[in-house]
C-alpha cells in the first residue's frame, strides 16, 4: 500500500501544502495497513494451518518405487477469537469507532461503523464461516535410504461463493531409526522426520472487489507410527510457519476509503507448535485416514487413497 487517495485526504483534512499532506499520508498508510492486516489475519493463519496438515498418515516411508495417491480434505476450525479484532487505539486514532470490536473476514456479516479523520464509513463484515475446508490431491513415491517425496496439487477451485483457490506443494519424509545401529531394529515402531512446503493462491471478493492472497506455509514434524494388522496409529509433533502476501488493484475501496495505487503488502502468521493424532485403515491397496491437529487453529483431516509398498 503506497498512499491513500490524494483527493480524499486533501478534501477531508484540508491541508494546503504538499509537504504537510505527505507527512499525514505516511502515518495513515501505516494505520491503513494495520487495519487491513487485522481484518485478514485470521484467513492467512487458517490457510497456513490447513496447508500444513495432511502430509502424512504413517511414519514409515515407501520402499524404493512404492507410491501412493491420496485425496485429503483439511478442515480448519475457526476459533471464536478469530471472528473479531479490537479497535480501541490500535490504529493510532486514525481509524476509530464507538464499538470496541469489528468483524474479521471470518466474523459476522454485519459491517462496523468507523470514522476516518472525522468521516464515517462502514468496515466490511465477514463471511460467517465457522470452518474452512481445503481439499487437495497428494502423490508420494519412495526413494533410496528410506526416503519418500510427496507432491500436492489442487487446480483452481471455488470454495463457497466468494473464494477461488489453487495450490502446489512438495514434502519429504525420512526414516530416522535406520541411523541407530542395533536400536532401530529393536524398536517396534516407525519414526521419521517430515517437512513440507505449500504455496496457496487465493482470489476472493470483499464487497464485490477482487483481492489476491498468496500464502506460503512450511511445517517440520517428528512423526511416529505403529501398524497392527490393518490399522496404523500415528502421531506427530511439529512446527508451523506461514507468510501471506495481500494485493489488490488500484482504487480498492475499504468501506468508502479508497486507496489510489495497487495495495501490495506482506505479513507473517504466528509461528506455532502443533501436535496431531490419527488412524489409517488399510484395505488391500486402499487407505482411509482420519486425524486431528491440536493448534491455535485446530484442523480435522480426512483422506482416502491407494498405496503400494
C-alpha atoms as a PDB file:
ATOM      1  CA  UNK A   1       0.000   0.000   0.000  1.00  0.00           C
ATOM      2  CA  UNK A   2       1.697   3.225  -1.080  1.00  0.00           C
ATOM      3  CA  UNK A   3      -0.749   6.055  -0.439  1.00  0.00           C
ATOM      4  CA  UNK A   4      -4.383   6.777   0.275  1.00  0.00           C
ATOM      5  CA  UNK A   5      -6.467   8.549  -2.319  1.00  0.00           C
ATOM      6  CA  UNK A   6      -4.909  12.028  -2.575  1.00  0.00           C
ATOM      7  CA  UNK A   7      -8.129  13.870  -3.294  1.00  0.00           C
ATOM      8  CA  UNK A   8      -9.916  12.176  -0.381  1.00  0.00           C
ATOM      9  CA  UNK A   9      -7.243  13.224   2.083  1.00  0.00           C
ATOM     10  CA  UNK A  10      -6.843  16.753   0.783  1.00  0.00           C
ATOM     11  CA  UNK A  11     -10.603  17.252   0.886  1.00  0.00           C
ATOM     12  CA  UNK A  12     -11.095  15.786   4.361  1.00  0.00           C
ATOM     13  CA  UNK A  13      -8.004  17.070   6.086  1.00  0.00           C
ATOM     14  CA  UNK A  14      -7.912  20.423   4.336  1.00  0.00           C
ATOM     15  CA  UNK A  15      -4.141  20.779   4.175  1.00  0.00           C
ATOM     16  CA  UNK A  16      -2.765  23.162   1.586  1.00  0.00           C
ATOM     17  CA  UNK A  17       0.877  22.236   1.375  1.00  0.00           C
ATOM     18  CA  UNK A  18       2.083  19.104  -0.398  1.00  0.00           C
ATOM     19  CA  UNK A  19       4.686  18.545   2.309  1.00  0.00           C
ATOM     20  CA  UNK A  20       2.046  18.521   5.028  1.00  0.00           C
ATOM     21  CA  UNK A  21      -0.068  16.004   3.104  1.00  0.00           C
ATOM     22  CA  UNK A  22       2.892  13.718   2.618  1.00  0.00           C
ATOM     23  CA  UNK A  23       3.562  13.719   6.369  1.00  0.00           C
ATOM     24  CA  UNK A  24      -0.035  12.835   7.162  1.00  0.00           C
ATOM     25  CA  UNK A  25      -0.068  10.141   4.471  1.00  0.00           C
ATOM     26  CA  UNK A  26       2.900   8.328   5.958  1.00  0.00           C
ATOM     27  CA  UNK A  27       1.005   7.793   9.211  1.00  0.00           C
ATOM     28  CA  UNK A  28      -2.286   6.963   7.518  1.00  0.00           C
ATOM     29  CA  UNK A  29      -0.629   4.375   5.299  1.00  0.00           C
ATOM     30  CA  UNK A  30       0.790   2.581   8.313  1.00  0.00           C
ATOM     31  CA  UNK A  31      -2.554   2.595  10.130  1.00  0.00           C
ATOM     32  CA  UNK A  32      -4.397   1.503   6.986  1.00  0.00           C
ATOM     33  CA  UNK A  33      -2.051  -1.450   6.648  1.00  0.00           C
ATOM     34  CA  UNK A  34      -2.679  -2.416  10.265  1.00  0.00           C
ATOM     35  CA  UNK A  35      -6.450  -2.247   9.705  1.00  0.00           C
ATOM     36  CA  UNK A  36      -6.330  -4.491   6.632  1.00  0.00           C
ATOM     37  CA  UNK A  37      -3.964  -6.874   8.406  1.00  0.00           C
ATOM     38  CA  UNK A  38      -6.279  -7.152  11.424  1.00  0.00           C
ATOM     39  CA  UNK A  39      -9.214  -7.893   9.128  1.00  0.00           C
ATOM     40  CA  UNK A  40      -7.462 -10.574   7.046  1.00  0.00           C
ATOM     41  CA  UNK A  41      -5.030 -12.193   9.509  1.00  0.00           C
ATOM     42  CA  UNK A  42      -7.465 -14.995  10.523  1.00  0.00           C
ATOM     43  CA  UNK A  43      -7.744 -16.072   6.878  1.00  0.00           C
ATOM     44  CA  UNK A  44      -3.970 -16.077   6.461  1.00  0.00           C
ATOM     45  CA  UNK A  45      -3.487 -18.073   9.657  1.00  0.00           C
ATOM     46  CA  UNK A  46      -6.237 -20.576   8.829  1.00  0.00           C
ATOM     47  CA  UNK A  47      -4.789 -21.102   5.353  1.00  0.00           C
ATOM     48  CA  UNK A  48      -1.392 -21.718   6.929  1.00  0.00           C
ATOM     49  CA  UNK A  49      -2.879 -24.247   9.366  1.00  0.00           C
ATOM     50  CA  UNK A  50      -4.753 -26.089   6.627  1.00  0.00           C
ATOM     51  CA  UNK A  51      -1.786 -26.202   4.274  1.00  0.00           C
ATOM     52  CA  UNK A  52       0.483 -27.658   6.935  1.00  0.00           C
ATOM     53  CA  UNK A  53      -1.790 -30.635   7.530  1.00  0.00           C
ATOM     54  CA  UNK A  54      -2.480 -33.870   5.680  1.00  0.00           C
ATOM     55  CA  UNK A  55       1.160 -34.516   4.789  1.00  0.00           C
ATOM     56  CA  UNK A  56       1.367 -37.960   6.376  1.00  0.00           C
ATOM     57  CA  UNK A  57      -0.695 -40.916   7.610  1.00  0.00           C
ATOM     58  CA  UNK A  58       2.250 -43.062   8.688  1.00  0.00           C
ATOM     59  CA  UNK A  59       5.828 -42.505   9.763  1.00  0.00           C
ATOM     60  CA  UNK A  60       7.096 -45.294   7.527  1.00  0.00           C
ATOM     61  CA  UNK A  61       8.307 -44.037   4.122  1.00  0.00           C
ATOM     62  CA  UNK A  62       7.618 -46.033   0.969  1.00  0.00           C
ATOM     63  CA  UNK A  63      10.236 -48.534  -0.081  1.00  0.00           C
ATOM     64  CA  UNK A  64      12.071 -47.784  -3.337  1.00  0.00           C
ATOM     65  CA  UNK A  65       9.489 -47.401  -6.101  1.00  0.00           C
ATOM     66  CA  UNK A  66       6.497 -47.579  -3.785  1.00  0.00           C
ATOM     67  CA  UNK A  67       3.858 -44.903  -4.212  1.00  0.00           C
ATOM     68  CA  UNK A  68       0.540 -43.538  -3.034  1.00  0.00           C
ATOM     69  CA  UNK A  69      -2.134 -41.251  -4.416  1.00  0.00           C
ATOM     70  CA  UNK A  70      -4.370 -39.663  -1.799  1.00  0.00           C
ATOM     71  CA  UNK A  71      -7.219 -37.175  -1.737  1.00  0.00           C
ATOM     72  CA  UNK A  72      -7.381 -35.260   1.536  1.00  0.00           C
ATOM     73  CA  UNK A  73      -9.729 -32.680   2.976  1.00  0.00           C
ATOM     74  CA  UNK A  74      -8.229 -30.479   5.681  1.00  0.00           C
ATOM     75  CA  UNK A  75     -10.972 -28.615   7.526  1.00  0.00           C
ATOM     76  CA  UNK A  76      -9.710 -25.753   9.681  1.00  0.00           C
ATOM     77  CA  UNK A  77     -11.966 -24.897  12.613  1.00  0.00           C
ATOM     78  CA  UNK A  78     -12.152 -21.125  13.088  1.00  0.00           C
ATOM     79  CA  UNK A  79     -11.810 -20.231  16.793  1.00  0.00           C
ATOM     80  CA  UNK A  80     -14.158 -17.640  18.281  1.00  0.00           C
ATOM     81  CA  UNK A  81     -11.184 -15.387  18.982  1.00  0.00           C
ATOM     82  CA  UNK A  82     -10.570 -15.082  15.220  1.00  0.00           C
ATOM     83  CA  UNK A  83     -14.026 -13.675  14.446  1.00  0.00           C
ATOM     84  CA  UNK A  84     -13.343 -10.145  15.719  1.00  0.00           C
ATOM     85  CA  UNK A  85     -10.490  -7.735  16.257  1.00  0.00           C
ATOM     86  CA  UNK A  86     -10.205  -4.978  18.831  1.00  0.00           C
ATOM     87  CA  UNK A  87     -10.369  -1.362  17.717  1.00  0.00           C
ATOM     88  CA  UNK A  88      -9.620   0.951  20.653  1.00  0.00           C
ATOM     89  CA  UNK A  89      -6.413   2.882  19.983  1.00  0.00           C
ATOM     90  CA  UNK A  90      -4.920   0.110  17.846  1.00  0.00           C
ATOM     91  CA  UNK A  91      -4.895   2.280  14.719  1.00  0.00           C
ATOM     92  CA  UNK A  92      -3.388   5.450  16.093  1.00  0.00           C
ATOM     93  CA  UNK A  93      -6.772   7.201  16.326  1.00  0.00           C
ATOM     94  CA  UNK A  94      -6.749   7.457  12.514  1.00  0.00           C
ATOM     95  CA  UNK A  95      -9.441   4.783  12.245  1.00  0.00           C
ATOM     96  CA  UNK A  96     -11.871   4.914  15.167  1.00  0.00           C
ATOM     97  CA  UNK A  97     -15.225   3.503  16.199  1.00  0.00           C
ATOM     98  CA  UNK A  98     -17.718   3.754  19.038  1.00  0.00           C
ATOM     99  CA  UNK A  99     -17.603  -0.057  19.172  1.00  0.00           C
ATOM    100  CA  UNK A 100     -14.821  -1.973  20.852  1.00  0.00           C
ATOM    101  CA  UNK A 101     -14.570  -4.705  18.198  1.00  0.00           C
ATOM    102  CA  UNK A 102     -15.124  -5.225  14.479  1.00  0.00           C
ATOM    103  CA  UNK A 103     -15.652  -8.367  12.416  1.00  0.00           C
ATOM    104  CA  UNK A 104     -12.724 -10.048  10.732  1.00  0.00           C
ATOM    105  CA  UNK A 105     -13.044 -11.783   7.350  1.00  0.00           C
ATOM    106  CA  UNK A 106     -14.491 -14.798   9.227  1.00  0.00           C
ATOM    107  CA  UNK A 107     -16.773 -12.884  11.588  1.00  0.00           C
ATOM    108  CA  UNK A 108     -20.346 -11.666  11.434  1.00  0.00           C
ATOM    109  CA  UNK A 109     -21.601 -10.310   8.121  1.00  0.00           C
ATOM    110  CA  UNK A 110     -22.608  -7.100   9.883  1.00  0.00           C
ATOM    111  CA  UNK A 111     -20.440  -4.144   8.983  1.00  0.00           C
ATOM    112  CA  UNK A 112     -18.907  -1.887  11.633  1.00  0.00           C
ATOM    113  CA  UNK A 113     -19.338   1.882  11.508  1.00  0.00           C
ATOM    114  CA  UNK A 114     -15.953   3.531  11.819  1.00  0.00           C
ATOM    115  CA  UNK A 115     -14.522   7.005  11.455  1.00  0.00           C
ATOM    116  CA  UNK A 116     -11.620   8.066   9.280  1.00  0.00           C
ATOM    117  CA  UNK A 117     -10.365  11.560  10.043  1.00  0.00           C
ATOM    118  CA  UNK A 118     -13.849  12.607  11.193  1.00  0.00           C
ATOM    119  CA  UNK A 119     -15.731  10.996   8.288  1.00  0.00           C
ATOM    120  CA  UNK A 120     -17.884   7.909   8.832  1.00  0.00           C
ATOM    121  CA  UNK A 121     -17.504   4.746   6.756  1.00  0.00           C
ATOM    122  CA  UNK A 122     -18.562   1.116   7.132  1.00  0.00           C
ATOM    123  CA  UNK A 123     -15.907  -1.531   7.700  1.00  0.00           C
ATOM    124  CA  UNK A 124     -16.959  -4.657   5.710  1.00  0.00           C
ATOM    125  CA  UNK A 125     -18.474  -7.562   7.599  1.00  0.00           C
ATOM    126  CA  UNK A 126     -17.212 -11.108   7.430  1.00  0.00           C
ATOM    127  CA  UNK A 127     -18.159 -14.346   5.684  1.00  0.00           C
ATOM    128  CA  UNK A 128     -19.703 -16.005   8.790  1.00  0.00           C
ATOM    129  CA  UNK A 129     -17.564 -19.092   8.179  1.00  0.00           C
ATOM    130  CA  UNK A 130     -17.156 -21.453  11.165  1.00  0.00           C
ATOM    131  CA  UNK A 131     -14.731 -23.698   9.266  1.00  0.00           C
ATOM    132  CA  UNK A 132     -12.527 -23.514   6.188  1.00  0.00           C
ATOM    133  CA  UNK A 133     -12.183 -26.694   4.061  1.00  0.00           C
ATOM    134  CA  UNK A 134      -9.066 -27.127   1.917  1.00  0.00           C
ATOM    135  CA  UNK A 135      -9.158 -30.160  -0.411  1.00  0.00           C
ATOM    136  CA  UNK A 136      -6.072 -31.366  -2.230  1.00  0.00           C
ATOM    137  CA  UNK A 137      -4.579 -34.276  -4.130  1.00  0.00           C
ATOM    138  CA  UNK A 138      -1.235 -35.647  -2.979  1.00  0.00           C
ATOM    139  CA  UNK A 139       1.095 -38.210  -4.510  1.00  0.00           C
ATOM    140  CA  UNK A 140       4.156 -39.793  -2.914  1.00  0.00           C
ATOM    141  CA  UNK A 141       6.956 -42.028  -4.168  1.00  0.00           C
ATOM    142  CA  UNK A 142       9.670 -43.939  -2.332  1.00  0.00           C
ATOM    143  CA  UNK A 143      13.344 -43.218  -2.973  1.00  0.00           C
ATOM    144  CA  UNK A 144      16.582 -44.648  -1.617  1.00  0.00           C
ATOM    145  CA  UNK A 145      17.605 -44.633   2.050  1.00  0.00           C
ATOM    146  CA  UNK A 146      14.025 -44.923   3.333  1.00  0.00           C
ATOM    147  CA  UNK A 147      13.110 -41.519   1.977  1.00  0.00           C
ATOM    148  CA  UNK A 148       9.869 -40.504   0.265  1.00  0.00           C
ATOM    149  CA  UNK A 149       8.924 -37.404  -1.712  1.00  0.00           C
ATOM    150  CA  UNK A 150       5.368 -36.023  -1.742  1.00  0.00           C
ATOM    151  CA  UNK A 151       3.803 -33.646  -4.250  1.00  0.00           C
ATOM    152  CA  UNK A 152       0.439 -31.995  -3.635  1.00  0.00           C
ATOM    153  CA  UNK A 153      -1.691 -30.069  -6.073  1.00  0.00           C
ATOM    154  CA  UNK A 154      -5.106 -28.517  -6.426  1.00  0.00           C
ATOM    155  CA  UNK A 155      -6.375 -26.793  -9.566  1.00  0.00           C
ATOM    156  CA  UNK A 156      -8.299 -23.533  -9.285  1.00  0.00           C
ATOM    157  CA  UNK A 157     -11.319 -24.471  -7.179  1.00  0.00           C
ATOM    158  CA  UNK A 158     -14.317 -22.496  -5.964  1.00  0.00           C
ATOM    159  CA  UNK A 159     -14.781 -22.592  -2.169  1.00  0.00           C
ATOM    160  CA  UNK A 160     -18.141 -21.027  -1.415  1.00  0.00           C
ATOM    161  CA  UNK A 161     -19.451 -18.045  -3.359  1.00  0.00           C
ATOM    162  CA  UNK A 162     -16.546 -15.651  -2.921  1.00  0.00           C
ATOM    163  CA  UNK A 163     -13.297 -17.643  -2.788  1.00  0.00           C
ATOM    164  CA  UNK A 164     -11.240 -19.374  -5.507  1.00  0.00           C
ATOM    165  CA  UNK A 165      -8.072 -21.237  -4.548  1.00  0.00           C
ATOM    166  CA  UNK A 166      -5.331 -23.369  -6.080  1.00  0.00           C
ATOM    167  CA  UNK A 167      -2.144 -24.787  -4.576  1.00  0.00           C
ATOM    168  CA  UNK A 168       1.125 -26.624  -5.112  1.00  0.00           C
ATOM    169  CA  UNK A 169       3.412 -28.182  -2.517  1.00  0.00           C
ATOM    170  CA  UNK A 170       6.345 -30.515  -2.008  1.00  0.00           C
ATOM    171  CA  UNK A 171       7.299 -32.556   1.045  1.00  0.00           C
ATOM    172  CA  UNK A 172       9.864 -35.097   2.199  1.00  0.00           C
ATOM    173  CA  UNK A 173       9.842 -37.875   4.803  1.00  0.00           C
ATOM    174  CA  UNK A 174      12.949 -39.676   6.043  1.00  0.00           C
ATOM    175  CA  UNK A 175      13.253 -42.652   8.397  1.00  0.00           C
ATOM    176  CA  UNK A 176      15.369 -41.891  11.464  1.00  0.00           C
ATOM    177  CA  UNK A 177      15.664 -45.300  13.113  1.00  0.00           C
ATOM    178  CA  UNK A 178      17.845 -46.659  10.304  1.00  0.00           C
ATOM    179  CA  UNK A 179      20.659 -44.489  11.650  1.00  0.00           C
ATOM    180  CA  UNK A 180      20.595 -46.029  15.133  1.00  0.00           C
ATOM    181  CA  UNK A 181      22.513 -49.324  14.849  1.00  0.00           C
ATOM    182  CA  UNK A 182      21.092 -52.127  16.936  1.00  0.00           C
ATOM    183  CA  UNK A 183      18.362 -49.946  18.418  1.00  0.00           C
ATOM    184  CA  UNK A 184      16.416 -49.098  15.293  1.00  0.00           C
ATOM    185  CA  UNK A 185      15.548 -52.708  14.502  1.00  0.00           C
ATOM    186  CA  UNK A 186      14.602 -53.405  18.122  1.00  0.00           C
ATOM    187  CA  UNK A 187      12.016 -50.610  18.394  1.00  0.00           C
ATOM    188  CA  UNK A 188       8.602 -51.914  17.240  1.00  0.00           C
ATOM    189  CA  UNK A 189       7.528 -48.698  15.547  1.00  0.00           C
ATOM    190  CA  UNK A 190       8.469 -46.230  12.826  1.00  0.00           C
ATOM    191  CA  UNK A 191       9.952 -42.801  13.468  1.00  0.00           C
ATOM    192  CA  UNK A 192      10.559 -40.208  10.771  1.00  0.00           C
ATOM    193  CA  UNK A 193      11.361 -36.581  10.194  1.00  0.00           C
ATOM    194  CA  UNK A 194       8.900 -34.928   7.830  1.00  0.00           C
ATOM    195  CA  UNK A 195       8.877 -31.493   6.233  1.00  0.00           C
ATOM    196  CA  UNK A 196       6.580 -29.786   3.760  1.00  0.00           C
ATOM    197  CA  UNK A 197       6.197 -26.538   1.842  1.00  0.00           C
ATOM    198  CA  UNK A 198       2.945 -25.411   0.210  1.00  0.00           C
ATOM    199  CA  UNK A 199       2.023 -22.315  -1.801  1.00  0.00           C
ATOM    200  CA  UNK A 200      -1.659 -21.352  -1.971  1.00  0.00           C
ATOM    201  CA  UNK A 201      -3.010 -18.687  -4.338  1.00  0.00           C
ATOM    202  CA  UNK A 202      -6.397 -17.233  -3.430  1.00  0.00           C
ATOM    203  CA  UNK A 203      -8.792 -14.931  -5.216  1.00  0.00           C
ATOM    204  CA  UNK A 204     -11.677 -13.587  -3.157  1.00  0.00           C
ATOM    205  CA  UNK A 205     -14.203 -10.798  -3.194  1.00  0.00           C
ATOM    206  CA  UNK A 206     -14.622  -8.224  -0.446  1.00  0.00           C
ATOM    207  CA  UNK A 207     -17.665  -6.040  -1.004  1.00  0.00           C
ATOM    208  CA  UNK A 208     -17.651  -7.086  -4.670  1.00  0.00           C
ATOM    209  CA  UNK A 209     -13.978  -6.216  -5.187  1.00  0.00           C
ATOM    210  CA  UNK A 210     -11.347  -8.775  -6.125  1.00  0.00           C
ATOM    211  CA  UNK A 211      -8.347  -9.174  -3.856  1.00  0.00           C
ATOM    212  CA  UNK A 212      -5.499 -11.662  -4.065  1.00  0.00           C
ATOM    213  CA  UNK A 213      -3.680 -13.555  -1.350  1.00  0.00           C
ATOM    214  CA  UNK A 214      -0.715 -15.868  -1.662  1.00  0.00           C
ATOM    215  CA  UNK A 215       0.145 -17.978   1.378  1.00  0.00           C
ATOM    216  CA  UNK A 216       3.414 -19.862   1.686  1.00  0.00           C
ATOM    217  CA  UNK A 217       3.327 -22.411   4.515  1.00  0.00           C
ATOM    218  CA  UNK A 218       6.133 -24.537   5.946  1.00  0.00           C
ATOM    219  CA  UNK A 219       5.989 -27.325   8.500  1.00  0.00           C
ATOM    220  CA  UNK A 220       8.575 -29.622  10.120  1.00  0.00           C
ATOM    221  CA  UNK A 221       7.412 -32.648  12.124  1.00  0.00           C
ATOM    222  CA  UNK A 222       8.631 -35.631  14.080  1.00  0.00           C
ATOM    223  CA  UNK A 223       6.236 -38.479  13.254  1.00  0.00           C
ATOM    224  CA  UNK A 224       5.800 -41.856  14.937  1.00  0.00           C
ATOM    225  CA  UNK A 225       3.519 -44.713  13.887  1.00  0.00           C
ATOM    226  CA  UNK A 226       2.700 -48.323  14.706  1.00  0.00           C
ATOM    227  CA  UNK A 227       0.837 -50.786  12.486  1.00  0.00           C
ATOM    228  CA  UNK A 228      -1.349 -53.548  13.931  1.00  0.00           C
ATOM    229  CA  UNK A 229      -3.000 -55.732  11.295  1.00  0.00           C
ATOM    230  CA  UNK A 230      -4.935 -53.359   9.038  1.00  0.00           C
ATOM    231  CA  UNK A 231      -4.797 -50.318  11.334  1.00  0.00           C
ATOM    232  CA  UNK A 232      -1.938 -47.851  11.668  1.00  0.00           C
ATOM    233  CA  UNK A 233      -1.920 -45.399  14.518  1.00  0.00           C
ATOM    234  CA  UNK A 234       0.211 -42.291  14.056  1.00  0.00           C
ATOM    235  CA  UNK A 235       1.074 -39.120  15.915  1.00  0.00           C
ATOM    236  CA  UNK A 236       3.251 -36.131  15.228  1.00  0.00           C
ATOM    237  CA  UNK A 237       4.625 -33.008  16.879  1.00  0.00           C
ATOM    238  CA  UNK A 238       5.977 -30.142  14.876  1.00  0.00           C
ATOM    239  CA  UNK A 239       6.267 -26.505  13.953  1.00  0.00           C
ATOM    240  CA  UNK A 240       4.189 -24.353  11.619  1.00  0.00           C
ATOM    241  CA  UNK A 241       5.050 -21.095   9.894  1.00  0.00           C
ATOM    242  CA  UNK A 242       3.364 -19.130   7.124  1.00  0.00           C
ATOM    243  CA  UNK A 243       3.701 -15.860   5.210  1.00  0.00           C
ATOM    244  CA  UNK A 244       0.865 -14.203   3.298  1.00  0.00           C
ATOM    245  CA  UNK A 245       1.005 -11.549   0.595  1.00  0.00           C
ATOM    246  CA  UNK A 246      -2.107  -9.412   0.097  1.00  0.00           C
ATOM    247  CA  UNK A 247      -2.681  -7.451  -3.107  1.00  0.00           C
ATOM    248  CA  UNK A 248      -5.475  -5.549  -4.844  1.00  0.00           C
ATOM    249  CA  UNK A 249      -5.816  -3.474  -7.950  1.00  0.00           C
ATOM    250  CA  UNK A 250      -5.857   0.310  -7.687  1.00  0.00           C
ATOM    251  CA  UNK A 251      -8.965   2.088  -6.407  1.00  0.00           C
ATOM    252  CA  UNK A 252      -9.589  -0.570  -3.751  1.00  0.00           C
ATOM    253  CA  UNK A 253     -12.432   0.717  -1.571  1.00  0.00           C
ATOM    254  CA  UNK A 254     -12.489  -0.224   2.109  1.00  0.00           C
ATOM    255  CA  UNK A 255     -15.948   0.862   3.226  1.00  0.00           C
ATOM    256  CA  UNK A 256     -15.696   4.187   1.383  1.00  0.00           C
ATOM    257  CA  UNK A 257     -11.995   4.868   1.950  1.00  0.00           C
ATOM    258  CA  UNK A 258     -10.168   4.401  -1.338  1.00  0.00           C
ATOM    259  CA  UNK A 259      -6.549   3.516  -1.992  1.00  0.00           C
ATOM    260  CA  UNK A 260      -5.084   5.267  -5.006  1.00  0.00           C
ATOM    261  CA  UNK A 261      -2.454   2.746  -6.051  1.00  0.00           C
ATOM    262  CA  UNK A 262      -2.314  -1.046  -6.003  1.00  0.00           C
ATOM    263  CA  UNK A 263      -2.036  -2.446  -2.489  1.00  0.00           C
ATOM    264  CA  UNK A 264       0.792  -4.929  -2.053  1.00  0.00           C
ATOM    265  CA  UNK A 265       1.680  -5.915   1.492  1.00  0.00           C
ATOM    266  CA  UNK A 266       3.128  -8.950   3.259  1.00  0.00           C
ATOM    267  CA  UNK A 267       2.533 -10.141   6.790  1.00  0.00           C
ATOM    268  CA  UNK A 268       3.555 -13.230   8.681  1.00  0.00           C
ATOM    269  CA  UNK A 269       1.183 -15.502  10.553  1.00  0.00           C
ATOM    270  CA  UNK A 270       2.042 -16.604  14.053  1.00  0.00           C
ATOM    271  CA  UNK A 271       4.611 -19.373  14.137  1.00  0.00           C
ATOM    272  CA  UNK A 272       3.368 -22.076  16.463  1.00  0.00           C
ATOM    273  CA  UNK A 273       3.768 -25.629  17.636  1.00  0.00           C
ATOM    274  CA  UNK A 274       1.353 -28.331  16.565  1.00  0.00           C
ATOM    275  CA  UNK A 275       0.511 -31.878  17.598  1.00  0.00           C
ATOM    276  CA  UNK A 276      -1.773 -34.371  15.923  1.00  0.00           C
ATOM    277  CA  UNK A 277      -3.006 -37.910  16.295  1.00  0.00           C
ATOM    278  CA  UNK A 278      -4.708 -40.146  13.771  1.00  0.00           C
ATOM    279  CA  UNK A 279      -5.576 -43.573  12.403  1.00  0.00           C
ATOM    280  CA  UNK A 280      -5.143 -45.124   8.980  1.00  0.00           C
ATOM    281  CA  UNK A 281      -7.135 -48.141   7.801  1.00  0.00           C
ATOM    282  CA  UNK A 282      -5.568 -50.343   5.109  1.00  0.00           C
ATOM    283  CA  UNK A 283      -7.914 -52.457   2.973  1.00  0.00           C
ATOM    284  CA  UNK A 284      -5.622 -54.181   0.453  1.00  0.00           C
ATOM    285  CA  UNK A 285      -4.282 -51.173  -1.502  1.00  0.00           C
ATOM    286  CA  UNK A 286      -6.973 -48.752  -0.286  1.00  0.00           C
ATOM    287  CA  UNK A 287      -6.172 -46.403   2.606  1.00  0.00           C
ATOM    288  CA  UNK A 288      -8.591 -44.364   4.679  1.00  0.00           C
ATOM    289  CA  UNK A 289      -7.177 -41.849   7.145  1.00  0.00           C
ATOM    290  CA  UNK A 290      -8.539 -39.513   9.792  1.00  0.00           C
ATOM    291  CA  UNK A 291      -6.616 -37.274  12.167  1.00  0.00           C
ATOM    292  CA  UNK A 292      -6.994 -34.205  14.313  1.00  0.00           C
ATOM    293  CA  UNK A 293      -4.420 -31.476  14.867  1.00  0.00           C
ATOM    294  CA  UNK A 294      -4.243 -29.520  18.104  1.00  0.00           C
ATOM    295  CA  UNK A 295      -3.104 -25.948  17.484  1.00  0.00           C
ATOM    296  CA  UNK A 296      -4.372 -22.380  17.604  1.00  0.00           C
ATOM    297  CA  UNK A 297      -6.421 -23.223  14.507  1.00  0.00           C
ATOM    298  CA  UNK A 298      -7.489 -26.867  15.071  1.00  0.00           C
ATOM    299  CA  UNK A 299      -7.719 -28.944  11.909  1.00  0.00           C
ATOM    300  CA  UNK A 300      -9.580 -32.161  11.113  1.00  0.00           C
ATOM    301  CA  UNK A 301      -8.230 -34.201   8.207  1.00  0.00           C
ATOM    302  CA  UNK A 302      -9.975 -36.942   6.237  1.00  0.00           C
ATOM    303  CA  UNK A 303      -8.364 -38.777   3.349  1.00  0.00           C
ATOM    304  CA  UNK A 304      -8.774 -41.717   1.017  1.00  0.00           C
ATOM    305  CA  UNK A 305      -6.284 -43.101  -1.447  1.00  0.00           C
ATOM    306  CA  UNK A 306      -4.320 -46.021  -2.832  1.00  0.00           C
ATOM    307  CA  UNK A 307      -0.904 -47.096  -1.564  1.00  0.00           C
ATOM    308  CA  UNK A 308       1.605 -49.711  -2.672  1.00  0.00           C
ATOM    309  CA  UNK A 309       4.776 -50.730  -0.793  1.00  0.00           C
END
